[in-house]
C-alpha atoms as a PDB file:
ATOM      1  CA  MET A   1      64.641 136.598  37.815  1.00  0.00           C
ATOM      2  CA  GLU A   2      61.035 135.278  36.744  1.00  0.00           C
ATOM      3  CA  THR A   3      62.488 136.412  33.213  1.00  0.00           C
ATOM      4  CA  LEU A   4      64.926 134.584  33.345  1.00  0.00           C
ATOM      5  CA  ILE A   5      62.830 131.288  34.409  1.00  0.00           C
ATOM      6  CA  TRP A   6      60.552 131.501  31.131  1.00  0.00           C
ATOM      7  CA  ALA A   7      63.633 132.742  28.666  1.00  0.00           C
ATOM      8  CA  GLY A   8      64.943 129.326  29.891  1.00  0.00           C
ATOM      9  CA  ALA A   9      61.576 127.810  29.369  1.00  0.00           C
ATOM     10  CA  ALA A  10      61.804 129.174  26.049  1.00  0.00           C
ATOM     11  CA  VAL A  11      65.161 128.083  24.968  1.00  0.00           C
ATOM     12  CA  SER A  12      64.869 124.915  26.248  1.00  0.00           C
ATOM     13  CA  LEU A  13      61.561 124.432  24.161  1.00  0.00           C
ATOM     14  CA  ALA A  14      63.096 125.582  21.111  1.00  0.00           C
ATOM     15  CA  GLY A  15      65.945 122.895  22.267  1.00  0.00           C
ATOM     16  CA  LEU A  16      62.960 120.298  22.156  1.00  0.00           C
ATOM     17  CA  ALA A  17      61.531 121.067  19.150  1.00  0.00           C
ATOM     18  CA  GLY A  18      65.042 120.414  17.357  1.00  0.00           C
ATOM     19  CA  LEU A  19      65.803 117.548  18.867  1.00  0.00           C
ATOM     20  CA  ILE A  20      62.170 115.675  17.771  1.00  0.00           C
ATOM     21  CA  TRP A  21      63.009 117.055  14.200  1.00  0.00           C
ATOM     22  CA  CYS A  22      66.060 115.354  14.317  1.00  0.00           C
ATOM     23  CA  ILE A  23      64.012 112.431  15.507  1.00  0.00           C
ATOM     24  CA  ALA A  24      61.740 112.697  12.402  1.00  0.00           C
ATOM     25  CA  ARG A  25      64.145 112.625   9.932  1.00  0.00           C
ATOM     26  CA  VAL A  26      65.818 109.938  11.451  1.00  0.00           C
ATOM     27  CA  TRP A  27      62.702 108.003  11.292  1.00  0.00           C
ATOM     28  CA  ARG A  28      61.625 109.077   7.921  1.00  0.00           C
ATOM     29  CA  ALA A  29      65.008 107.871   6.614  1.00  0.00           C
ATOM     30  CA  ARG A  30      64.482 104.441   8.299  1.00  0.00           C
ATOM     31  CA  ARG A  31      61.148 103.930   6.767  1.00  0.00           C
ATOM     32  CA  ALA A  32      62.306 104.752   3.321  1.00  0.00           C
ATOM     33  CA  LYS A  33      64.905 101.868   3.514  1.00  0.00           C
ATOM     34  CA  LEU A  34      67.386 103.907   2.018  1.00  0.00           C
ATOM     35  CA  ASP A  35      71.192 102.213   1.332  1.00  0.00           C
ATOM     36  CA  GLU A  36      74.054 102.594   3.737  1.00  0.00           C
ATOM     37  CA  ALA A  37      76.070 105.215   1.891  1.00  0.00           C
ATOM     38  CA  GLU A  38      72.448 107.475   1.843  1.00  0.00           C
ATOM     39  CA  MET A  39      71.661 106.749   5.114  1.00  0.00           C
ATOM     40  CA  ARG A  40      74.867 108.114   6.322  1.00  0.00           C
ATOM     41  CA  LYS A  41      74.480 110.822   4.196  1.00  0.00           C
ATOM     42  CA  VAL A  42      71.683 111.855   6.033  1.00  0.00           C
ATOM     43  CA  LEU A  43      72.731 111.015   9.729  1.00  0.00           C
ATOM     44  CA  GLN A  44      75.743 113.026   9.126  1.00  0.00           C
ATOM     45  CA  LYS A  45      73.120 116.298   8.501  1.00  0.00           C
ATOM     46  CA  VAL A  46      71.537 115.487  11.576  1.00  0.00           C
ATOM     47  CA  LEU A  47      73.752 114.952  13.765  1.00  0.00           C
ATOM     48  CA  PRO A  48      75.178 118.987  14.421  1.00  0.00           C
ATOM     49  CA  VAL A  49      71.293 119.938  14.699  1.00  0.00           C
ATOM     50  CA  ASN A  50      70.977 116.917  17.049  1.00  0.00           C
ATOM     51  CA  THR A  51      73.824 118.632  19.261  1.00  0.00           C
ATOM     52  CA  GLY A  52      73.030 122.028  18.983  1.00  0.00           C
ATOM     53  CA  ALA A  53      69.498 120.965  19.958  1.00  0.00           C
ATOM     54  CA  LEU A  54      70.475 119.053  22.831  1.00  0.00           C
ATOM     55  CA  PHE A  55      73.031 122.266  23.887  1.00  0.00           C
ATOM     56  CA  LEU A  56      70.198 124.226  23.572  1.00  0.00           C
ATOM     57  CA  SER A  57      68.008 122.895  25.948  1.00  0.00           C
ATOM     58  CA  VAL A  58      70.849 122.199  28.560  1.00  0.00           C
ATOM     59  CA  ILE A  59      71.726 125.708  28.748  1.00  0.00           C
ATOM     60  CA  GLY A  60      67.659 126.287  29.196  1.00  0.00           C
ATOM     61  CA  LEU A  61      67.126 123.833  31.484  1.00  0.00           C
ATOM     62  CA  MET A  62      70.690 125.501  33.278  1.00  0.00           C
ATOM     63  CA  MET A  63      68.081 128.811  33.331  1.00  0.00           C
ATOM     64  CA  VAL A  64      65.521 128.161  34.761  1.00  0.00           C
ATOM     65  CA  VAL A  65      66.988 126.506  37.685  1.00  0.00           C
ATOM     66  CA  VAL A  66      69.342 129.614  38.119  1.00  0.00           C
ATOM     67  CA  GLY A  67      65.933 131.793  38.089  1.00  0.00           C
ATOM     68  CA  ILE A  68      64.797 129.178  40.488  1.00  0.00           C
ATOM     69  CA  LEU A  69      67.624 129.645  43.081  1.00  0.00           C
ATOM     70  CA  LEU A  70      68.332 133.154  42.804  1.00  0.00           C
ATOM     71  CA  ARG A  71      64.875 133.811  42.635  1.00  0.00           C
END
């Protein structure tokens, strides 16, 4: 079960990296002072990545919890 814990930690870290990328991307767009239409395009591109990264983080944390419970 130790491998499940470490695999879950790796998956969760990958999700966290994706969330940090999303935050950085939106932050750069806000600092560029884009108009509303361009900002909407940036947000539409970031939203699926953000959702996927959040999903990875949750799945990773669930893997860690299951690994600890089965240990």
